[in-house]
């Protein structure tokens, strides 16, 4: 009987943990799907050495993720655009295809909760690399 109780408690604990782990694609489209940009940081490296870092605290920028895997954005200056998106749970990556950008942007999901998420994107060209981190909240 003691073994049965132990197995039951382990299965119960695993079930509770799995139920509490949020699925990003469900978080993105809940409620109205609007995520406000709180902070945008870009770090520029040459030959692995940080040469510039720019942090912008946004007021007015947002991304809207729709249930049909499309979305739109507006930045703090009023510039707008549209995109399609997908989420790969195995890689914990959010892919956005912006209509005005020449290739897909693949964000690593650094952290996410029901009300906030932090995404990170790296772009390399030769010895130069830009690392962009975006913090979003509801």
N, C-alpha and C. Protein backbone atom coordinates (compact mmCIF):
# COMPACT_ATOMS: atom_id res chain seq x y z
N UNK A 1 0.82 -1.19 0.00
CA UNK A 1 0.00 0.00 0.00
C UNK A 1 0.87 1.26 0.00
N UNK A 2 1.99 1.22 0.70
CA UNK A 2 2.88 2.36 0.78
C UNK A 2 3.47 2.66 -0.60
N UNK A 3 3.81 1.63 -1.38
CA UNK A 3 4.34 1.82 -2.73
C UNK A 3 3.28 2.46 -3.61
N UNK A 4 2.02 2.03 -3.49
CA UNK A 4 0.93 2.59 -4.27
C UNK A 4 0.77 4.08 -3.96
N UNK A 5 0.84 4.45 -2.69
CA UNK A 5 0.71 5.86 -2.30
C UNK A 5 1.86 6.68 -2.88
N UNK A 6 3.06 6.13 -2.84
CA UNK A 6 4.23 6.84 -3.36
C UNK A 6 4.09 7.06 -4.86
N UNK A 7 3.71 6.01 -5.58
CA UNK A 7 3.53 6.14 -7.03
C UNK A 7 2.42 7.14 -7.33
N UNK A 8 1.33 7.08 -6.60
CA UNK A 8 0.23 8.00 -6.79
C UNK A 8 0.68 9.44 -6.58
N UNK A 9 1.44 9.70 -5.53
CA UNK A 9 1.91 11.06 -5.24
C UNK A 9 2.86 11.56 -6.33
N UNK A 10 3.71 10.69 -6.84
CA UNK A 10 4.64 11.10 -7.91
C UNK A 10 3.86 11.44 -9.18
N UNK A 11 2.89 10.60 -9.55
CA UNK A 11 2.07 10.86 -10.73
C UNK A 11 1.26 12.15 -10.54
N UNK A 12 0.69 12.34 -9.36
CA UNK A 12 -0.07 13.54 -9.07
C UNK A 12 0.80 14.79 -9.18
N UNK A 13 1.99 14.74 -8.60
CA UNK A 13 2.90 15.89 -8.65
C UNK A 13 3.30 16.19 -10.09
N UNK A 14 3.58 15.17 -10.88
CA UNK A 14 3.95 15.37 -12.29
C UNK A 14 2.78 15.98 -13.07
N UNK A 15 1.58 15.53 -12.78
CA UNK A 15 0.40 16.06 -13.47
C UNK A 15 0.18 17.53 -13.12
N UNK A 16 0.35 17.87 -11.88
CA UNK A 16 0.18 19.26 -11.45
C UNK A 16 1.22 20.14 -12.10
N UNK A 17 2.49 19.67 -12.14
CA UNK A 17 3.55 20.46 -12.77
C UNK A 17 3.25 20.67 -14.25
N UNK A 18 2.85 19.62 -14.94
CA UNK A 18 2.55 19.73 -16.38
C UNK A 18 1.38 20.67 -16.61
N UNK A 19 0.39 20.65 -15.76
CA UNK A 19 -0.77 21.52 -15.91
C UNK A 19 -0.41 22.97 -15.66
N UNK A 20 0.61 23.24 -14.87
CA UNK A 20 0.99 24.61 -14.53
C UNK A 20 1.98 25.21 -15.52
N UNK A 21 2.52 24.42 -16.43
CA UNK A 21 3.47 24.93 -17.39
C UNK A 21 2.72 25.56 -18.55
N UNK A 22 2.85 26.88 -18.74
CA UNK A 22 2.09 27.54 -19.79
C UNK A 22 2.59 27.18 -21.18
N UNK A 23 1.68 27.14 -22.15
CA UNK A 23 2.00 26.88 -23.53
C UNK A 23 1.95 28.23 -24.23
N UNK A 24 3.08 28.66 -24.81
CA UNK A 24 3.18 30.02 -25.33
C UNK A 24 2.13 30.33 -26.38
N UNK A 25 1.85 29.39 -27.29
CA UNK A 25 0.89 29.73 -28.33
C UNK A 25 -0.50 29.97 -27.75
N UNK A 26 -0.80 29.36 -26.61
CA UNK A 26 -2.08 29.65 -25.95
C UNK A 26 -2.04 31.00 -25.24
N UNK A 27 -0.89 31.35 -24.67
CA UNK A 27 -0.75 32.63 -23.98
C UNK A 27 -0.87 33.78 -24.97
N UNK A 28 -0.24 33.66 -26.13
CA UNK A 28 -0.23 34.75 -27.10
C UNK A 28 -1.62 35.16 -27.55
N UNK A 29 -2.51 34.19 -27.69
CA UNK A 29 -3.81 34.51 -28.27
C UNK A 29 -4.93 34.66 -27.25
N UNK A 30 -4.62 34.52 -25.97
CA UNK A 30 -5.66 34.71 -24.96
C UNK A 30 -6.13 36.17 -24.94
N UNK A 31 -7.33 36.36 -24.46
CA UNK A 31 -7.93 37.69 -24.35
C UNK A 31 -7.87 38.39 -25.69
N UNK A 32 -7.31 39.58 -25.75
CA UNK A 32 -7.29 40.31 -27.01
C UNK A 32 -6.00 40.11 -27.79
N UNK A 33 -5.04 39.39 -27.24
CA UNK A 33 -3.81 39.09 -27.96
C UNK A 33 -2.83 40.24 -28.05
N UNK A 34 -3.09 41.34 -27.36
CA UNK A 34 -2.21 42.51 -27.46
C UNK A 34 -1.13 42.44 -26.38
N UNK A 35 0.11 42.60 -26.83
CA UNK A 35 1.26 42.63 -25.92
C UNK A 35 1.98 43.95 -26.10
N UNK A 36 2.16 44.69 -24.99
CA UNK A 36 2.84 45.99 -25.02
C UNK A 36 4.35 45.79 -24.95
N UNK A 37 5.08 46.58 -25.72
CA UNK A 37 6.54 46.54 -25.68
C UNK A 37 6.99 47.41 -24.51
N UNK A 38 7.62 46.77 -23.51
CA UNK A 38 8.11 47.51 -22.35
C UNK A 38 9.55 47.99 -22.56
N UNK A 39 10.36 47.11 -23.17
CA UNK A 39 11.77 47.46 -23.34
C UNK A 39 12.31 46.72 -24.56
N UNK A 40 13.17 47.40 -25.31
CA UNK A 40 13.79 46.86 -26.49
C UNK A 40 15.28 47.15 -26.36
N UNK A 41 16.13 46.12 -26.31
CA UNK A 41 17.56 46.30 -26.15
C UNK A 41 18.29 45.65 -27.31
N UNK A 42 19.20 46.39 -27.92
CA UNK A 42 20.04 45.85 -28.99
C UNK A 42 21.49 46.02 -28.61
N UNK A 43 22.21 44.90 -28.61
CA UNK A 43 23.65 44.91 -28.34
C UNK A 43 24.37 44.55 -29.63
N UNK A 44 25.42 45.30 -29.96
CA UNK A 44 26.19 45.06 -31.18
C UNK A 44 27.60 44.61 -30.80
N UNK A 45 28.01 43.49 -31.41
CA UNK A 45 29.32 42.91 -31.15
C UNK A 45 30.11 42.86 -32.45
N UNK A 46 31.42 43.09 -32.35
CA UNK A 46 32.36 42.86 -33.45
C UNK A 46 33.47 41.98 -32.91
N UNK A 47 33.73 40.89 -33.59
CA UNK A 47 34.74 39.92 -33.15
C UNK A 47 34.51 39.48 -31.70
N UNK A 48 33.24 39.36 -31.31
CA UNK A 48 32.89 38.90 -29.97
C UNK A 48 32.99 39.95 -28.88
N UNK A 49 33.33 41.18 -29.24
CA UNK A 49 33.48 42.26 -28.27
C UNK A 49 32.28 43.21 -28.38
N UNK A 50 31.64 43.50 -27.25
CA UNK A 50 30.51 44.42 -27.23
C UNK A 50 31.00 45.82 -27.59
N UNK A 51 30.44 46.38 -28.67
CA UNK A 51 30.87 47.73 -29.06
C UNK A 51 29.77 48.77 -28.88
N UNK A 52 28.52 48.30 -28.73
CA UNK A 52 27.43 49.25 -28.55
C UNK A 52 26.24 48.54 -27.91
N UNK A 53 25.52 49.26 -27.06
CA UNK A 53 24.32 48.73 -26.44
C UNK A 53 23.31 49.87 -26.35
N UNK A 54 22.12 49.61 -26.89
CA UNK A 54 21.08 50.63 -26.88
C UNK A 54 19.81 50.03 -26.30
N UNK A 55 19.29 50.65 -25.25
CA UNK A 55 18.05 50.20 -24.63
C UNK A 55 17.01 51.30 -24.80
N UNK A 56 15.85 50.90 -25.31
CA UNK A 56 14.75 51.82 -25.49
C UNK A 56 13.59 51.36 -24.62
N UNK A 57 13.12 52.24 -23.77
CA UNK A 57 11.93 51.94 -22.98
C UNK A 57 10.76 52.49 -23.79
N UNK A 58 9.93 51.58 -24.25
CA UNK A 58 8.84 51.94 -25.16
C UNK A 58 7.65 52.53 -24.42
N UNK A 59 7.00 53.43 -25.08
CA UNK A 59 5.70 53.92 -24.64
C UNK A 59 4.82 53.99 -25.88
N UNK A 60 3.94 53.05 -26.02
CA UNK A 60 3.03 53.06 -27.14
C UNK A 60 3.21 51.94 -28.14
N UNK A 61 4.32 51.22 -28.11
CA UNK A 61 4.51 50.12 -29.04
C UNK A 61 3.80 48.87 -28.57
N UNK A 62 3.30 48.06 -29.52
CA UNK A 62 2.63 46.82 -29.14
C UNK A 62 2.62 45.83 -30.30
N UNK A 63 2.46 44.57 -29.96
CA UNK A 63 2.28 43.49 -30.92
C UNK A 63 0.92 42.84 -30.63
N UNK A 64 0.19 42.50 -31.68
CA UNK A 64 -1.07 41.79 -31.54
C UNK A 64 -0.93 40.44 -32.23
N UNK A 65 -1.14 39.37 -31.47
CA UNK A 65 -1.08 38.01 -31.99
C UNK A 65 -2.50 37.48 -32.11
N UNK A 66 -2.91 37.14 -33.33
CA UNK A 66 -4.26 36.64 -33.58
C UNK A 66 -4.27 35.11 -33.59
N UNK A 67 -5.41 34.56 -33.30
CA UNK A 67 -5.57 33.11 -33.23
C UNK A 67 -5.30 32.43 -34.57
N UNK A 68 -5.48 33.13 -35.68
CA UNK A 68 -5.24 32.54 -37.00
C UNK A 68 -3.77 32.61 -37.42
N UNK A 69 -2.88 32.86 -36.46
CA UNK A 69 -1.43 32.90 -36.66
C UNK A 69 -0.97 34.10 -37.49
N UNK A 70 -1.75 35.18 -37.49
CA UNK A 70 -1.34 36.44 -38.09
C UNK A 70 -1.20 37.45 -36.96
N UNK A 71 -0.65 38.59 -37.29
CA UNK A 71 -0.52 39.61 -36.26
C UNK A 71 -0.20 40.96 -36.87
N UNK A 72 -0.14 41.95 -36.00
CA UNK A 72 0.21 43.29 -36.42
C UNK A 72 1.00 43.96 -35.30
N UNK A 73 1.71 45.02 -35.67
CA UNK A 73 2.46 45.75 -34.66
C UNK A 73 2.38 47.24 -34.94
N UNK A 74 2.63 47.99 -33.89
CA UNK A 74 2.78 49.43 -34.00
C UNK A 74 3.92 49.81 -33.06
N UNK A 75 4.85 50.63 -33.56
CA UNK A 75 5.94 51.03 -32.68
C UNK A 75 5.62 52.38 -32.04
N UNK A 76 6.51 52.83 -31.19
CA UNK A 76 6.27 54.06 -30.44
C UNK A 76 6.15 55.28 -31.35
N UNK A 77 6.71 55.20 -32.57
CA UNK A 77 6.63 56.31 -33.51
C UNK A 77 5.39 56.24 -34.41
N UNK A 78 4.56 55.20 -34.22
CA UNK A 78 3.35 55.06 -35.02
C UNK A 78 3.51 54.22 -36.27
N UNK A 79 4.72 53.72 -36.53
CA UNK A 79 4.94 52.84 -37.69
C UNK A 79 4.20 51.53 -37.45
N UNK A 80 3.54 51.01 -38.49
CA UNK A 80 2.76 49.79 -38.35
C UNK A 80 3.22 48.73 -39.35
N UNK A 81 2.84 47.50 -39.10
CA UNK A 81 3.15 46.41 -40.01
C UNK A 81 2.37 45.17 -39.64
N UNK A 82 2.46 44.18 -40.50
CA UNK A 82 1.78 42.91 -40.25
C UNK A 82 2.78 41.77 -40.34
N UNK A 83 2.42 40.63 -39.79
CA UNK A 83 3.29 39.47 -39.80
C UNK A 83 2.46 38.21 -39.62
N UNK A 84 3.09 37.08 -39.90
CA UNK A 84 2.51 35.80 -39.51
C UNK A 84 3.44 35.22 -38.46
N UNK A 85 2.93 34.31 -37.65
CA UNK A 85 3.75 33.78 -36.56
C UNK A 85 3.46 32.31 -36.34
N UNK A 86 4.45 31.65 -35.73
CA UNK A 86 4.29 30.26 -35.32
C UNK A 86 5.17 30.04 -34.10
N UNK A 87 4.87 28.99 -33.36
CA UNK A 87 5.64 28.68 -32.16
C UNK A 87 6.08 27.23 -32.21
N UNK A 88 7.36 26.99 -31.97
CA UNK A 88 7.91 25.64 -31.92
C UNK A 88 8.20 25.32 -30.47
N UNK A 89 7.38 24.48 -29.86
CA UNK A 89 7.52 24.16 -28.43
C UNK A 89 8.82 23.40 -28.15
N UNK A 90 9.24 22.55 -29.09
CA UNK A 90 10.48 21.79 -28.87
C UNK A 90 11.69 22.70 -28.79
N UNK A 91 11.75 23.71 -29.65
CA UNK A 91 12.88 24.64 -29.66
C UNK A 91 12.65 25.85 -28.77
N UNK A 92 11.44 25.99 -28.23
CA UNK A 92 11.05 27.18 -27.47
C UNK A 92 11.39 28.43 -28.26
N UNK A 93 10.88 28.45 -29.51
CA UNK A 93 11.18 29.56 -30.41
C UNK A 93 9.90 30.08 -31.05
N UNK A 94 9.82 31.38 -31.17
CA UNK A 94 8.72 32.07 -31.82
C UNK A 94 9.24 32.59 -33.15
N UNK A 95 8.61 32.19 -34.26
CA UNK A 95 9.01 32.64 -35.58
C UNK A 95 8.01 33.66 -36.08
N UNK A 96 8.53 34.80 -36.52
CA UNK A 96 7.70 35.85 -37.09
C UNK A 96 8.17 36.15 -38.50
N UNK A 97 7.23 36.19 -39.43
CA UNK A 97 7.54 36.55 -40.81
C UNK A 97 6.88 37.89 -41.06
N UNK A 98 7.71 38.93 -41.07
CA UNK A 98 7.25 40.30 -41.27
C UNK A 98 7.20 40.55 -42.78
N UNK A 99 6.10 41.11 -43.25
CA UNK A 99 5.94 41.37 -44.67
C UNK A 99 7.01 42.29 -45.25
N UNK A 100 7.61 43.14 -44.43
CA UNK A 100 8.60 44.10 -44.92
C UNK A 100 10.04 43.65 -44.67
N UNK A 101 10.24 42.47 -44.08
CA UNK A 101 11.59 42.01 -43.74
C UNK A 101 11.95 40.86 -44.67
N UNK A 102 13.21 40.78 -45.12
CA UNK A 102 13.56 39.80 -46.16
C UNK A 102 13.60 38.33 -45.73
N UNK A 103 13.61 38.05 -44.44
CA UNK A 103 13.65 36.66 -43.98
C UNK A 103 12.96 36.54 -42.62
N UNK A 104 12.57 35.32 -42.24
CA UNK A 104 11.89 35.13 -40.94
C UNK A 104 12.78 35.52 -39.77
N UNK A 105 12.17 36.03 -38.73
CA UNK A 105 12.88 36.34 -37.48
C UNK A 105 12.51 35.25 -36.48
N UNK A 106 13.52 34.57 -35.97
CA UNK A 106 13.28 33.49 -35.01
C UNK A 106 13.74 33.96 -33.64
N UNK A 107 12.77 34.20 -32.77
CA UNK A 107 13.05 34.64 -31.41
C UNK A 107 13.16 33.43 -30.49
N UNK A 108 14.20 33.38 -29.68
CA UNK A 108 14.26 32.42 -28.58
C UNK A 108 13.36 32.96 -27.49
N UNK A 109 12.55 32.10 -26.90
CA UNK A 109 11.68 32.52 -25.80
C UNK A 109 12.50 32.37 -24.53
N UNK A 110 12.98 33.48 -24.00
CA UNK A 110 13.83 33.47 -22.82
C UNK A 110 13.00 33.22 -21.57
N UNK A 111 11.84 33.88 -21.52
CA UNK A 111 10.98 33.76 -20.34
C UNK A 111 9.57 34.14 -20.74
N UNK A 112 8.59 33.45 -20.18
CA UNK A 112 7.21 33.87 -20.40
C UNK A 112 6.31 33.41 -19.26
N UNK A 113 5.35 34.26 -19.01
CA UNK A 113 4.31 33.97 -18.03
C UNK A 113 2.99 34.39 -18.67
N UNK A 114 1.95 34.30 -17.93
CA UNK A 114 0.63 34.69 -18.44
C UNK A 114 0.60 36.17 -18.85
N UNK A 115 1.37 37.01 -18.17
CA UNK A 115 1.30 38.45 -18.40
C UNK A 115 2.58 39.09 -18.92
N UNK A 116 3.63 38.31 -19.14
CA UNK A 116 4.87 38.89 -19.65
C UNK A 116 5.67 37.85 -20.41
N UNK A 117 6.50 38.34 -21.30
CA UNK A 117 7.41 37.45 -22.01
C UNK A 117 8.64 38.22 -22.45
N UNK A 118 9.76 37.51 -22.52
CA UNK A 118 11.01 38.08 -22.98
C UNK A 118 11.49 37.24 -24.16
N UNK A 119 11.71 37.90 -25.28
CA UNK A 119 12.14 37.24 -26.51
C UNK A 119 13.52 37.75 -26.89
N UNK A 120 14.32 36.88 -27.53
CA UNK A 120 15.68 37.26 -27.89
C UNK A 120 15.97 36.78 -29.31
N UNK A 121 16.60 37.64 -30.10
CA UNK A 121 16.92 37.34 -31.49
C UNK A 121 18.36 37.72 -31.76
N UNK A 122 19.10 36.83 -32.42
CA UNK A 122 20.50 37.10 -32.78
C UNK A 122 20.63 37.11 -34.30
N UNK A 123 21.38 38.09 -34.81
CA UNK A 123 21.64 38.20 -36.24
C UNK A 123 23.14 38.37 -36.42
N UNK A 124 23.75 37.47 -37.21
CA UNK A 124 25.19 37.53 -37.45
C UNK A 124 25.47 37.76 -38.92
N UNK A 125 26.47 38.59 -39.18
CA UNK A 125 26.94 38.85 -40.53
C UNK A 125 28.46 39.01 -40.44
N UNK A 126 29.19 38.01 -40.91
CA UNK A 126 30.65 38.03 -40.80
C UNK A 126 31.07 38.00 -39.35
N UNK A 127 31.84 39.00 -38.93
CA UNK A 127 32.31 39.06 -37.54
C UNK A 127 31.40 39.92 -36.67
N UNK A 128 30.35 40.46 -37.27
CA UNK A 128 29.42 41.32 -36.53
C UNK A 128 28.19 40.52 -36.09
N UNK A 129 27.70 40.85 -34.91
CA UNK A 129 26.50 40.20 -34.39
C UNK A 129 25.67 41.21 -33.62
N UNK A 130 24.36 41.21 -33.88
CA UNK A 130 23.41 42.00 -33.10
C UNK A 130 22.56 41.05 -32.29
N UNK A 131 22.38 41.37 -31.02
CA UNK A 131 21.50 40.60 -30.14
C UNK A 131 20.40 41.54 -29.67
N UNK A 132 19.16 41.20 -30.01
CA UNK A 132 18.03 42.04 -29.65
C UNK A 132 17.17 41.30 -28.63
N UNK A 133 16.85 41.98 -27.53
CA UNK A 133 15.99 41.42 -26.50
C UNK A 133 14.77 42.32 -26.37
N UNK A 134 13.60 41.70 -26.43
CA UNK A 134 12.35 42.43 -26.35
C UNK A 134 11.56 41.94 -25.15
N UNK A 135 11.13 42.86 -24.29
CA UNK A 135 10.29 42.52 -23.14
C UNK A 135 8.88 43.03 -23.40
N UNK A 136 7.92 42.09 -23.33
CA UNK A 136 6.52 42.40 -23.60
C UNK A 136 5.68 42.12 -22.36
N UNK A 137 4.58 42.85 -22.24
CA UNK A 137 3.65 42.59 -21.12
C UNK A 137 2.23 42.92 -21.57
N UNK A 138 1.28 42.41 -20.80
CA UNK A 138 -0.13 42.70 -21.05
C UNK A 138 -0.51 43.96 -20.31
